[in-house]
Every structure is written in structure tokens, then in C-alpha cells.
Amino acid sequence: MTDRAETVTAEGAAYGAAPGPDPVEEAARTWWIRVASPDGAPPAPDADFFAVGCTSLQAVMVTGGIAEDLDEEVPVRLLLQNSRYGAFVTALRAYLATPDDEADPGRPAW
């Protein structure tokens, strides 16, 4: 007989355990730090990607890295249009939550 504390949920976390790290947040934070945070400090929600001196080429690096980590398409326009970290993560989550059949086919990926 299995103890309830040992029961594993569909998400892979033990029953009653705190949820694991959010993969979207984790990927965004990792790549933001790698490219936009020379001191390795995690970004504040209002940290602005371009205010710290990053360029559109670095935005491509960030979104490309996130796309690779999550195995999902991540258009660079998400970061170009949402240059503050918190806004970018929110936009990224919303984009990834949108089913492919609801995406605007006339909108460029960049």
C-alpha cells in the first residue's frame, strides 16, 4: 500500500510538495542573466533589456536560447515589444499558451 505523501501527481511532483520551478520563468531568467546581466544577478521585474545596453542582436540570442530550451518557437518581437523582464515573461507565457490554430498567420515571427 502506498502512502499518500509518496503519491506522484501528473506533474511529477510528490503529493503535498511545493510545485517545481516554472520552465518558462526558468528559461527566461537563465537567458536574461546570460546576456543582459554581467554581474549574474537575477533580473528585477522592471529591469529593461535595452536600458542596460543590450541590442536587437542580443534579443535574438535570448529568444533563440529560450526557444531551444523550451523546444518552442519564441518570436524576437516578444522581447522587442516587452523589454521589461516582468512584461516579457508575461508576454512569453501568453504566447506559449495560445494554441497554434489561434495564432495570427499574417503576423511575422520577428
PDB file of N, CA and C in Angstrom:
ATOM      1  N   MET A   1       0.843  -1.178   0.000  1.00  0.00           N
ATOM      2  CA  MET A   1       0.000   0.000   0.000  1.00  0.00           C
ATOM      3  C   MET A   1       0.887   1.240   0.000  1.00  0.00           C
ATOM      4  N   THR A   2       0.524   2.228  -0.809  1.00  0.00           N
ATOM      5  CA  THR A   2       1.329   3.438  -0.958  1.00  0.00           C
ATOM      6  C   THR A   2       0.821   4.546  -0.053  1.00  0.00           C
ATOM      7  N   ASP A   3       1.742   5.223   0.590  1.00  0.00           N
ATOM      8  CA  ASP A   3       1.419   6.366   1.436  1.00  0.00           C
ATOM      9  C   ASP A   3       1.028   7.536   0.536  1.00  0.00           C
ATOM     10  N   ARG A   4       0.034   8.334   0.945  1.00  0.00           N
ATOM     11  CA  ARG A   4      -0.384   9.500   0.137  1.00  0.00           C
ATOM     12  C   ARG A   4       0.767  10.461  -0.102  1.00  0.00           C
ATOM     13  N   ALA A   5       1.681  10.594   0.827  1.00  0.00           N
ATOM     14  CA  ALA A   5       2.804  11.513   0.664  1.00  0.00           C
ATOM     15  C   ALA A   5       3.737  11.075  -0.461  1.00  0.00           C
ATOM     16  N   GLU A   6       3.660   9.792  -0.823  1.00  0.00           N
ATOM     17  CA  GLU A   6       4.521   9.272  -1.879  1.00  0.00           C
ATOM     18  C   GLU A   6       3.838   9.260  -3.242  1.00  0.00           C
ATOM     19  N   THR A   7       2.539   9.578  -3.246  1.00  0.00           N
ATOM     20  CA  THR A   7       1.794   9.576  -4.499  1.00  0.00           C
ATOM     21  C   THR A   7       2.326  10.679  -5.401  1.00  0.00           C
ATOM     22  N   VAL A   8       2.584  10.321  -6.641  1.00  0.00           N
ATOM     23  CA  VAL A   8       3.119  11.291  -7.595  1.00  0.00           C
ATOM     24  C   VAL A   8       1.985  11.815  -8.461  1.00  0.00           C
ATOM     25  N   THR A   9       1.939  13.125  -8.611  1.00  0.00           N
ATOM     26  CA  THR A   9       0.912  13.748  -9.445  1.00  0.00           C
ATOM     27  C   THR A   9       1.333  13.693 -10.895  1.00  0.00           C
ATOM     28  N   ALA A  10       0.452  14.121 -11.767  1.00  0.00           N
ATOM     29  CA  ALA A  10       0.732  14.129 -13.202  1.00  0.00           C
ATOM     30  C   ALA A  10       1.904  15.039 -13.528  1.00  0.00           C
ATOM     31  N   GLU A  11       2.131  16.057 -12.744  1.00  0.00           N
ATOM     32  CA  GLU A  11       3.239  16.972 -12.978  1.00  0.00           C
ATOM     33  C   GLU A  11       4.562  16.403 -12.500  1.00  0.00           C
ATOM     34  N   GLY A  12       4.548  15.282 -11.837  1.00  0.00           N
ATOM     35  CA  GLY A  12       5.774  14.653 -11.401  1.00  0.00           C
ATOM     36  C   GLY A  12       6.219  15.093 -10.016  1.00  0.00           C
ATOM     37  N   ALA A  13       5.470  15.933  -9.355  1.00  0.00           N
ATOM     38  CA  ALA A  13       5.837  16.375  -8.007  1.00  0.00           C
ATOM     39  C   ALA A  13       5.168  15.470  -6.983  1.00  0.00           C
ATOM     40  N   ALA A  14       5.823  15.257  -5.876  1.00  0.00           N
ATOM     41  CA  ALA A  14       5.247  14.437  -4.816  1.00  0.00           C
ATOM     42  C   ALA A  14       4.030  15.144  -4.232  1.00  0.00           C
ATOM     43  N   TYR A  15       3.020  14.352  -3.816  1.00  0.00           N
ATOM     44  CA  TYR A  15       1.813  14.918  -3.226  1.00  0.00           C
ATOM     45  C   TYR A  15       2.183  15.785  -2.027  1.00  0.00           C
ATOM     46  N   GLY A  16       1.640  16.983  -1.994  1.00  0.00           N
ATOM     47  CA  GLY A  16       1.886  17.883  -0.875  1.00  0.00           C
ATOM     48  C   GLY A  16       3.167  18.685  -1.015  1.00  0.00           C
ATOM     49  N   ALA A  17       3.974  18.407  -2.011  1.00  0.00           N
ATOM     50  CA  ALA A  17       5.224  19.147  -2.192  1.00  0.00           C
ATOM     51  C   ALA A  17       4.955  20.448  -2.941  1.00  0.00           C
ATOM     52  N   ALA A  18       5.821  21.391  -2.740  1.00  0.00           N
ATOM     53  CA  ALA A  18       5.714  22.650  -3.468  1.00  0.00           C
ATOM     54  C   ALA A  18       5.931  22.371  -4.950  1.00  0.00           C
ATOM     55  N   PRO A  19       5.254  23.132  -5.827  1.00  0.00           N
ATOM     56  CA  PRO A  19       5.444  22.900  -7.255  1.00  0.00           C
ATOM     57  C   PRO A  19       6.884  23.179  -7.666  1.00  0.00           C
ATOM     58  N   GLY A  20       7.330  22.494  -8.700  1.00  0.00           N
ATOM     59  CA  GLY A  20       8.688  22.679  -9.206  1.00  0.00           C
ATOM     60  C   GLY A  20       8.827  24.020  -9.895  1.00  0.00           C
ATOM     61  N   PRO A  21      10.030  24.315 -10.337  1.00  0.00           N
ATOM     62  CA  PRO A  21      10.254  25.596 -10.994  1.00  0.00           C
ATOM     63  C   PRO A  21       9.458  25.695 -12.295  1.00  0.00           C
ATOM     64  N   ASP A  22       9.012  26.888 -12.595  1.00  0.00           N
ATOM     65  CA  ASP A  22       8.274  27.166 -13.823  1.00  0.00           C
ATOM     66  C   ASP A  22       9.275  27.166 -14.973  1.00  0.00           C
ATOM     67  N   PRO A  23       9.144  26.257 -15.944  1.00  0.00           N
ATOM     68  CA  PRO A  23      10.138  26.183 -17.016  1.00  0.00           C
ATOM     69  C   PRO A  23      10.228  27.448 -17.855  1.00  0.00           C
ATOM     70  N   VAL A  24       9.120  28.152 -18.030  1.00  0.00           N
ATOM     71  CA  VAL A  24       9.149  29.400 -18.806  1.00  0.00           C
ATOM     72  C   VAL A  24       9.949  30.452 -18.050  1.00  0.00           C
ATOM     73  N   GLU A  25       9.644  30.629 -16.774  1.00  0.00           N
ATOM     74  CA  GLU A  25      10.379  31.592 -15.944  1.00  0.00           C
ATOM     75  C   GLU A  25      11.857  31.219 -15.862  1.00  0.00           C
ATOM     76  N   GLU A  26      12.113  29.941 -15.686  1.00  0.00           N
ATOM     77  CA  GLU A  26      13.492  29.455 -15.570  1.00  0.00           C
ATOM     78  C   GLU A  26      14.300  29.758 -16.837  1.00  0.00           C
ATOM     79  N   ALA A  27      13.723  29.458 -17.998  1.00  0.00           N
ATOM     80  CA  ALA A  27      14.419  29.717 -19.266  1.00  0.00           C
ATOM     81  C   ALA A  27      14.614  31.210 -19.492  1.00  0.00           C
ATOM     82  N   ALA A  28      13.580  31.995 -19.238  1.00  0.00           N
ATOM     83  CA  ALA A  28      13.691  33.447 -19.424  1.00  0.00           C
ATOM     84  C   ALA A  28      14.755  34.027 -18.498  1.00  0.00           C
ATOM     85  N   ARG A  29      14.732  33.631 -17.232  1.00  0.00           N
ATOM     86  CA  ARG A  29      15.713  34.139 -16.261  1.00  0.00           C
ATOM     87  C   ARG A  29      17.135  33.733 -16.654  1.00  0.00           C
ATOM     88  N   THR A  30      17.311  32.481 -17.022  1.00  0.00           N
ATOM     89  CA  THR A  30      18.634  31.973 -17.401  1.00  0.00           C
ATOM     90  C   THR A  30      19.220  32.768 -18.557  1.00  0.00           C
ATOM     91  N   TRP A  31      18.437  32.938 -19.611  1.00  0.00           N
ATOM     92  CA  TRP A  31      18.956  33.632 -20.793  1.00  0.00           C
ATOM     93  C   TRP A  31      19.093  35.127 -20.575  1.00  0.00           C
ATOM     94  N   TRP A  32      18.199  35.719 -19.782  1.00  0.00           N
ATOM     95  CA  TRP A  32      18.316  37.155 -19.470  1.00  0.00           C
ATOM     96  C   TRP A  32      19.623  37.389 -18.713  1.00  0.00           C
ATOM     97  N   ILE A  33      19.895  36.559 -17.720  1.00  0.00           N
ATOM     98  CA  ILE A  33      21.123  36.701 -16.933  1.00  0.00           C
ATOM     99  C   ILE A  33      22.342  36.492 -17.832  1.00  0.00           C
ATOM    100  N   ARG A  34      22.299  35.456 -18.644  1.00  0.00           N
ATOM    101  CA  ARG A  34      23.426  35.125 -19.518  1.00  0.00           C
ATOM    102  C   ARG A  34      23.783  36.273 -20.462  1.00  0.00           C
ATOM    103  N   VAL A  35      22.779  36.981 -20.968  1.00  0.00           N
ATOM    104  CA  VAL A  35      23.006  38.009 -21.982  1.00  0.00           C
ATOM    105  C   VAL A  35      22.981  39.425 -21.409  1.00  0.00           C
ATOM    106  N   ALA A  36      22.089  39.698 -20.459  1.00  0.00           N
ATOM    107  CA  ALA A  36      21.852  41.080 -20.034  1.00  0.00           C
ATOM    108  C   ALA A  36      22.283  41.399 -18.611  1.00  0.00           C
ATOM    109  N   SER A  37      22.886  40.452 -17.923  1.00  0.00           N
ATOM    110  CA  SER A  37      23.263  40.697 -16.540  1.00  0.00           C
ATOM    111  C   SER A  37      24.710  40.282 -16.309  1.00  0.00           C
ATOM    112  N   PRO A  38      25.654  41.182 -16.616  1.00  0.00           N
ATOM    113  CA  PRO A  38      27.065  40.824 -16.492  1.00  0.00           C
ATOM    114  C   PRO A  38      27.476  40.399 -15.086  1.00  0.00           C
ATOM    115  N   ASP A  39      26.777  40.879 -14.067  1.00  0.00           N
ATOM    116  CA  ASP A  39      27.125  40.500 -12.698  1.00  0.00           C
ATOM    117  C   ASP A  39      26.435  39.210 -12.261  1.00  0.00           C
ATOM    118  N   GLY A  40      25.599  38.645 -13.125  1.00  0.00           N
ATOM    119  CA  GLY A  40      24.926  37.388 -12.821  1.00  0.00           C
ATOM    120  C   GLY A  40      23.731  37.516 -11.899  1.00  0.00           C
ATOM    121  N   ALA A  41      23.323  38.754 -11.609  1.00  0.00           N
ATOM    122  CA  ALA A  41      22.180  38.966 -10.716  1.00  0.00           C
ATOM    123  C   ALA A  41      20.874  38.672 -11.450  1.00  0.00           C
ATOM    124  N   PRO A  42      19.921  38.044 -10.761  1.00  0.00           N
ATOM    125  CA  PRO A  42      18.621  37.806 -11.397  1.00  0.00           C
ATOM    126  C   PRO A  42      17.945  39.140 -11.705  1.00  0.00           C
ATOM    127  N   PRO A  43      17.178  39.198 -12.786  1.00  0.00           N
ATOM    128  CA  PRO A  43      16.542  40.450 -13.166  1.00  0.00           C
ATOM    129  C   PRO A  43      15.375  40.819 -12.260  1.00  0.00           C
ATOM    130  N   ALA A  44      15.248  42.101 -11.992  1.00  0.00           N
ATOM    131  CA  ALA A  44      14.068  42.609 -11.291  1.00  0.00           C
ATOM    132  C   ALA A  44      12.932  42.655 -12.311  1.00  0.00           C
ATOM    133  N   PRO A  45      11.688  42.595 -11.862  1.00  0.00           N
ATOM    134  CA  PRO A  45      10.565  42.627 -12.805  1.00  0.00           C
ATOM    135  C   PRO A  45      10.569  43.857 -13.721  1.00  0.00           C
ATOM    136  N   ASP A  46      11.095  44.974 -13.225  1.00  0.00           N
ATOM    137  CA  ASP A  46      11.103  46.197 -14.050  1.00  0.00           C
ATOM    138  C   ASP A  46      12.433  46.428 -14.771  1.00  0.00           C
ATOM    139  N   ALA A  47      13.344  45.453 -14.733  1.00  0.00           N
ATOM    140  CA  ALA A  47      14.621  45.582 -15.445  1.00  0.00           C
ATOM    141  C   ALA A  47      14.344  45.685 -16.937  1.00  0.00           C
ATOM    142  N   ASP A  48      14.948  46.676 -17.584  1.00  0.00           N
ATOM    143  CA  ASP A  48      14.723  46.911 -19.006  1.00  0.00           C
ATOM    144  C   ASP A  48      15.903  46.393 -19.818  1.00  0.00           C
ATOM    145  N   PHE A  49      15.631  45.505 -20.734  1.00  0.00           N
ATOM    146  CA  PHE A  49      16.649  44.851 -21.552  1.00  0.00           C
ATOM    147  C   PHE A  49      17.513  45.858 -22.305  1.00  0.00           C
ATOM    148  N   PHE A  50      16.885  46.849 -22.882  1.00  0.00           N
ATOM    149  CA  PHE A  50      17.632  47.807 -23.696  1.00  0.00           C
ATOM    150  C   PHE A  50      18.281  48.908 -22.861  1.00  0.00           C
ATOM    151  N   ALA A  51      17.741  49.180 -21.689  1.00  0.00           N
ATOM    152  CA  ALA A  51      18.323  50.206 -20.816  1.00  0.00           C
ATOM    153  C   ALA A  51      19.688  49.792 -20.285  1.00  0.00           C
ATOM    154  N   VAL A  52      19.955  48.488 -20.207  1.00  0.00           N
ATOM    155  CA  VAL A  52      21.267  48.027 -19.738  1.00  0.00           C
ATOM    156  C   VAL A  52      22.263  47.931 -20.883  1.00  0.00           C
ATOM    157  N   GLY A  53      21.854  48.351 -22.073  1.00  0.00           N
ATOM    158  CA  GLY A  53      22.762  48.400 -23.214  1.00  0.00           C
ATOM    159  C   GLY A  53      22.662  47.246 -24.185  1.00  0.00           C
ATOM    160  N   CYS A  54      21.667  46.394 -24.020  1.00  0.00           N
ATOM    161  CA  CYS A  54      21.514  45.276 -24.943  1.00  0.00           C
ATOM    162  C   CYS A  54      20.945  45.757 -26.276  1.00  0.00           C
ATOM    163  N   THR A  55      21.194  44.966 -27.305  1.00  0.00           N
ATOM    164  CA  THR A  55      20.779  45.311 -28.664  1.00  0.00           C
ATOM    165  C   THR A  55      19.785  44.287 -29.196  1.00  0.00           C
ATOM    166  N   SER A  56      19.284  44.555 -30.387  1.00  0.00           N
ATOM    167  CA  SER A  56      18.350  43.606 -31.007  1.00  0.00           C
ATOM    168  C   SER A  56      19.043  42.272 -31.307  1.00  0.00           C
ATOM    169  N   LEU A  57      20.323  42.301 -31.597  1.00  0.00           N
ATOM    170  CA  LEU A  57      21.058  41.049 -31.822  1.00  0.00           C
ATOM    171  C   LEU A  57      21.062  40.202 -30.539  1.00  0.00           C
ATOM    172  N   GLN A  58      21.240  40.859 -29.402  1.00  0.00           N
ATOM    173  CA  GLN A  58      21.194  40.138 -28.129  1.00  0.00           C
ATOM    174  C   GLN A  58      19.779  39.650 -27.817  1.00  0.00           C
ATOM    175  N   ALA A  59      18.768  40.379 -28.285  1.00  0.00           N
ATOM    176  CA  ALA A  59      17.381  39.925 -28.121  1.00  0.00           C
ATOM    177  C   ALA A  59      17.165  38.628 -28.899  1.00  0.00           C
ATOM    178  N   VAL A  60      17.785  38.526 -30.071  1.00  0.00           N
ATOM    179  CA  VAL A  60      17.708  37.297 -30.857  1.00  0.00           C
ATOM    180  C   VAL A  60      18.386  36.155 -30.094  1.00  0.00           C
ATOM    181  N   MET A  61      19.510  36.451 -29.453  1.00  0.00           N
ATOM    182  CA  MET A  61      20.207  35.424 -28.669  1.00  0.00           C
ATOM    183  C   MET A  61      19.324  34.917 -27.522  1.00  0.00           C
ATOM    184  N   VAL A  62      18.667  35.846 -26.821  1.00  0.00           N
ATOM    185  CA  VAL A  62      17.814  35.481 -25.683  1.00  0.00           C
ATOM    186  C   VAL A  62      16.627  34.650 -26.145  1.00  0.00           C
ATOM    187  N   THR A  63      15.901  35.144 -27.131  1.00  0.00           N
ATOM    188  CA  THR A  63      14.707  34.419 -27.579  1.00  0.00           C
ATOM    189  C   THR A  63      15.078  33.091 -28.238  1.00  0.00           C
ATOM    190  N   GLY A  64      16.202  33.054 -28.949  1.00  0.00           N
ATOM    191  CA  GLY A  64      16.664  31.795 -29.544  1.00  0.00           C
ATOM    192  C   GLY A  64      17.040  30.776 -28.487  1.00  0.00           C
ATOM    193  N   GLY A  65      17.704  31.229 -27.430  1.00  0.00           N
ATOM    194  CA  GLY A  65      18.074  30.330 -26.337  1.00  0.00           C
ATOM    195  C   GLY A  65      16.859  29.794 -25.610  1.00  0.00           C
ATOM    196  N   ILE A  66      15.899  30.667 -25.373  1.00  0.00           N
ATOM    197  CA  ILE A  66      14.661  30.237 -24.708  1.00  0.00           C
ATOM    198  C   ILE A  66      13.927  29.232 -25.591  1.00  0.00           C
ATOM    199  N   ALA A  67      13.866  29.529 -26.888  1.00  0.00           N
ATOM    200  CA  ALA A  67      13.192  28.625 -27.823  1.00  0.00           C
ATOM    201  C   ALA A  67      13.837  27.246 -27.800  1.00  0.00           C
ATOM    202  N   GLU A  68      15.152  27.217 -27.773  1.00  0.00           N
ATOM    203  CA  GLU A  68      15.862  25.937 -27.737  1.00  0.00           C
ATOM    204  C   GLU A  68      15.599  25.203 -26.423  1.00  0.00           C
ATOM    205  N   ASP A  69      15.664  25.926 -25.308  1.00  0.00           N
ATOM    206  CA  ASP A  69      15.440  25.300 -24.001  1.00  0.00           C
ATOM    207  C   ASP A  69      14.032  24.727 -23.874  1.00  0.00           C
ATOM    208  N   LEU A  70      13.037  25.456 -24.392  1.00  0.00           N
ATOM    209  CA  LEU A  70      11.645  25.043 -24.241  1.00  0.00           C
ATOM    210  C   LEU A  70      11.137  24.213 -25.417  1.00  0.00           C
ATOM    211  N   ASP A  71      11.942  24.111 -26.460  1.00  0.00           N
ATOM    212  CA  ASP A  71      11.548  23.421 -27.684  1.00  0.00           C
ATOM    213  C   ASP A  71      10.242  23.998 -28.223  1.00  0.00           C
ATOM    214  N   GLU A  72      10.191  25.324 -28.255  1.00  0.00           N
ATOM    215  CA  GLU A  72       9.024  26.078 -28.743  1.00  0.00           C
ATOM    216  C   GLU A  72       9.525  27.262 -29.555  1.00  0.00           C
ATOM    217  N   GLU A  73       8.709  27.712 -30.494  1.00  0.00           N
ATOM    218  CA  GLU A  73       9.033  28.930 -31.230  1.00  0.00           C
ATOM    219  C   GLU A  73       8.849  30.125 -30.285  1.00  0.00           C
ATOM    220  N   VAL A  74       9.833  31.021 -30.249  1.00  0.00           N
ATOM    221  CA  VAL A  74       9.737  32.241 -29.449  1.00  0.00           C
ATOM    222  C   VAL A  74      10.139  33.410 -30.345  1.00  0.00           C
ATOM    223  N   PRO A  75       9.169  34.165 -30.845  1.00  0.00           N
ATOM    224  CA  PRO A  75       9.485  35.276 -31.731  1.00  0.00           C
ATOM    225  C   PRO A  75      10.240  36.386 -30.994  1.00  0.00           C
ATOM    226  N   VAL A  76      11.225  36.943 -31.648  1.00  0.00           N
ATOM    227  CA  VAL A  76      12.024  38.005 -31.045  1.00  0.00           C
ATOM    228  C   VAL A  76      11.163  39.240 -30.752  1.00  0.00           C
ATOM    229  N   ARG A  77      10.081  39.412 -31.493  1.00  0.00           N
ATOM    230  CA  ARG A  77       9.215  40.572 -31.261  1.00  0.00           C
ATOM    231  C   ARG A  77       8.675  40.612 -29.834  1.00  0.00           C
ATOM    232  N   LEU A  78       8.547  39.441 -29.184  1.00  0.00           N
ATOM    233  CA  LEU A  78       8.067  39.438 -27.796  1.00  0.00           C
ATOM    234  C   LEU A  78       8.988  40.252 -26.900  1.00  0.00           C
ATOM    235  N   LEU A  79      10.278  40.112 -27.103  1.00  0.00           N
ATOM    236  CA  LEU A  79      11.236  40.871 -26.293  1.00  0.00           C
ATOM    237  C   LEU A  79      11.362  42.307 -26.789  1.00  0.00           C
ATOM    238  N   LEU A  80      11.300  42.499 -28.090  1.00  0.00           N
ATOM    239  CA  LEU A  80      11.392  43.859 -28.633  1.00  0.00           C
ATOM    240  C   LEU A  80      10.216  44.723 -28.163  1.00  0.00           C
ATOM    241  N   GLN A  81       9.043  44.130 -28.063  1.00  0.00           N
ATOM    242  CA  GLN A  81       7.844  44.865 -27.653  1.00  0.00           C
ATOM    243  C   GLN A  81       7.622  44.866 -26.139  1.00  0.00           C
ATOM    244  N   ASN A  82       8.317  44.010 -25.420  1.00  0.00           N
ATOM    245  CA  ASN A  82       8.172  43.884 -23.965  1.00  0.00           C
ATOM    246  C   ASN A  82       9.563  43.830 -23.354  1.00  0.00           C
ATOM    247  N   SER A  83      10.237  44.954 -23.316  1.00  0.00           N
ATOM    248  CA  SER A  83      11.652  44.960 -22.924  1.00  0.00           C
ATOM    249  C   SER A  83      11.876  44.890 -21.412  1.00  0.00           C
ATOM    250  N   ARG A  84      10.830  45.080 -20.623  1.00  0.00           N
ATOM    251  CA  ARG A  84      10.973  44.906 -19.173  1.00  0.00           C
ATOM    252  C   ARG A  84      10.766  43.428 -18.848  1.00  0.00           C
ATOM    253  N   TYR A  85      11.608  42.917 -17.963  1.00  0.00           N
ATOM    254  CA  TYR A  85      11.635  41.486 -17.683  1.00  0.00           C
ATOM    255  C   TYR A  85      10.252  40.921 -17.332  1.00  0.00           C
ATOM    256  N   GLY A  86       9.565  41.532 -16.396  1.00  0.00           N
ATOM    257  CA  GLY A  86       8.255  41.027 -15.972  1.00  0.00           C
ATOM    258  C   GLY A  86       7.257  41.011 -17.115  1.00  0.00           C
ATOM    259  N   ALA A  87       7.248  42.063 -17.910  1.00  0.00           N
ATOM    260  CA  ALA A  87       6.336  42.138 -19.058  1.00  0.00           C
ATOM    261  C   ALA A  87       6.704  41.086 -20.102  1.00  0.00           C
ATOM    262  N   PHE A  88       8.000  40.865 -20.299  1.00  0.00           N
ATOM    263  CA  PHE A  88       8.446  39.854 -21.254  1.00  0.00           C
ATOM    264  C   PHE A  88       7.993  38.464 -20.829  1.00  0.00           C
ATOM    265  N   VAL A  89       8.185  38.112 -19.568  1.00  0.00           N
ATOM    266  CA  VAL A  89       7.782  36.779 -19.085  1.00  0.00           C
ATOM    267  C   VAL A  89       6.270  36.608 -19.227  1.00  0.00           C
ATOM    268  N   THR A  90       5.510  37.649 -18.911  1.00  0.00           N
ATOM    269  CA  THR A  90       4.049  37.590 -19.052  1.00  0.00           C
ATOM    270  C   THR A  90       3.667  37.381 -20.520  1.00  0.00           C
ATOM    271  N   ALA A  91       4.294  38.138 -21.419  1.00  0.00           N
ATOM    272  CA  ALA A  91       4.009  38.003 -22.853  1.00  0.00           C
ATOM    273  C   ALA A  91       4.427  36.631 -23.366  1.00  0.00           C
ATOM    274  N   LEU A  92       5.554  36.135 -22.878  1.00  0.00           N
ATOM    275  CA  LEU A  92       6.044  34.820 -23.288  1.00  0.00           C
ATOM    276  C   LEU A  92       5.068  33.728 -22.857  1.00  0.00           C
ATOM    277  N   ARG A  93       4.595  33.795 -21.624  1.00  0.00           N
ATOM    278  CA  ARG A  93       3.622  32.805 -21.143  1.00  0.00           C
ATOM    279  C   ARG A  93       2.346  32.846 -21.984  1.00  0.00           C
ATOM    280  N   ALA A  94       1.864  34.070 -22.252  1.00  0.00           N
ATOM    281  CA  ALA A  94       0.635  34.220 -23.048  1.00  0.00           C
ATOM    282  C   ALA A  94       0.838  33.662 -24.454  1.00  0.00           C
ATOM    283  N   TYR A  95       1.975  33.947 -25.053  1.00  0.00           N
ATOM    284  CA  TYR A  95       2.266  33.443 -26.392  1.00  0.00           C
ATOM    285  C   TYR A  95       2.304  31.920 -26.409  1.00  0.00           C
ATOM    286  N   LEU A  96       2.987  31.333 -25.455  1.00  0.00           N
ATOM    287  CA  LEU A  96       3.113  29.880 -25.415  1.00  0.00           C
ATOM    288  C   LEU A  96       1.797  29.191 -25.081  1.00  0.00           C
ATOM    289  N   ALA A  97       0.891  29.904 -24.410  1.00  0.00           N
ATOM    290  CA  ALA A  97      -0.405  29.334 -24.045  1.00  0.00           C
ATOM    291  C   ALA A  97      -1.417  29.425 -25.192  1.00  0.00           C
ATOM    292  N   THR A  98      -1.120  30.203 -26.219  1.00  0.00           N
ATOM    293  CA  THR A  98      -2.027  30.371 -27.349  1.00  0.00           C
ATOM    294  C   THR A  98      -1.889  29.178 -28.291  1.00  0.00           C
ATOM    295  N   PRO A  99      -2.981  28.469 -28.536  1.00  0.00           N
ATOM    296  CA  PRO A  99      -2.906  27.341 -29.473  1.00  0.00           C
ATOM    297  C   PRO A  99      -2.468  27.821 -30.857  1.00  0.00           C
ATOM    298  N   ASP A 100      -1.728  26.979 -31.559  1.00  0.00           N
ATOM    299  CA  ASP A 100      -1.219  27.328 -32.883  1.00  0.00           C
ATOM    300  C   ASP A 100      -2.323  27.735 -33.846  1.00  0.00           C
ATOM    301  N   ASP A 101      -3.496  27.116 -33.735  1.00  0.00           N
ATOM    302  CA  ASP A 101      -4.573  27.433 -34.669  1.00  0.00           C
ATOM    303  C   ASP A 101      -5.204  28.802 -34.395  1.00  0.00           C
ATOM    304  N   GLU A 102      -4.869  29.423 -33.254  1.00  0.00           N
ATOM    305  CA  GLU A 102      -5.369  30.767 -32.955  1.00  0.00           C
ATOM    306  C   GLU A 102      -4.337  31.848 -33.248  1.00  0.00           C
ATOM    307  N   ALA A 103      -3.127  31.462 -33.609  1.00  0.00           N
ATOM    308  CA  ALA A 103      -2.071  32.435 -33.905  1.00  0.00           C
ATOM    309  C   ALA A 103      -2.423  33.164 -35.193  1.00  0.00           C
ATOM    310  N   ASP A 104      -1.991  34.393 -35.304  1.00  0.00           N
ATOM    311  CA  ASP A 104      -2.237  35.208 -36.485  1.00  0.00           C
ATOM    312  C   ASP A 104      -1.217  34.850 -37.561  1.00  0.00           C
ATOM    313  N   PRO A 105      -1.629  34.153 -38.637  1.00  0.00           N
ATOM    314  CA  PRO A 105      -0.668  33.726 -39.647  1.00  0.00           C
ATOM    315  C   PRO A 105      -0.073  34.888 -40.437  1.00  0.00           C
ATOM    316  N   GLY A 106      -0.728  36.040 -40.438  1.00  0.00           N
ATOM    317  CA  GLY A 106      -0.214  37.182 -41.167  1.00  0.00           C
ATOM    318  C   GLY A 106       0.823  37.970 -40.390  1.00  0.00           C
ATOM    319  N   ARG A 107       1.022  37.647 -39.130  1.00  0.00           N
ATOM    320  CA  ARG A 107       1.974  38.373 -38.286  1.00  0.00           C
ATOM    321  C   ARG A 107       3.336  37.712 -38.391  1.00  0.00           C
ATOM    322  N   PRO A 108       4.373  38.506 -38.704  1.00  0.00           N
ATOM    323  CA  PRO A 108       5.708  37.902 -38.806  1.00  0.00           C
ATOM    324  C   PRO A 108       6.218  37.417 -37.453  1.00  0.00           C
ATOM    325  N   ALA A 109       7.072  36.405 -37.470  1.00  0.00           N
ATOM    326  CA  ALA A 109       7.630  35.844 -36.248  1.00  0.00           C
ATOM    327  C   ALA A 109       8.619  36.784 -35.586  1.00  0.00           C
ATOM    328  N   TRP A 110       9.160  37.718 -36.294  1.00  0.00           N
ATOM    329  CA  TRP A 110      10.137  38.644 -35.729  1.00  0.00           C
ATOM    330  C   TRP A 110       9.436  39.841 -35.210  1.00  0.00           C
TER     331      TRP A 110
END
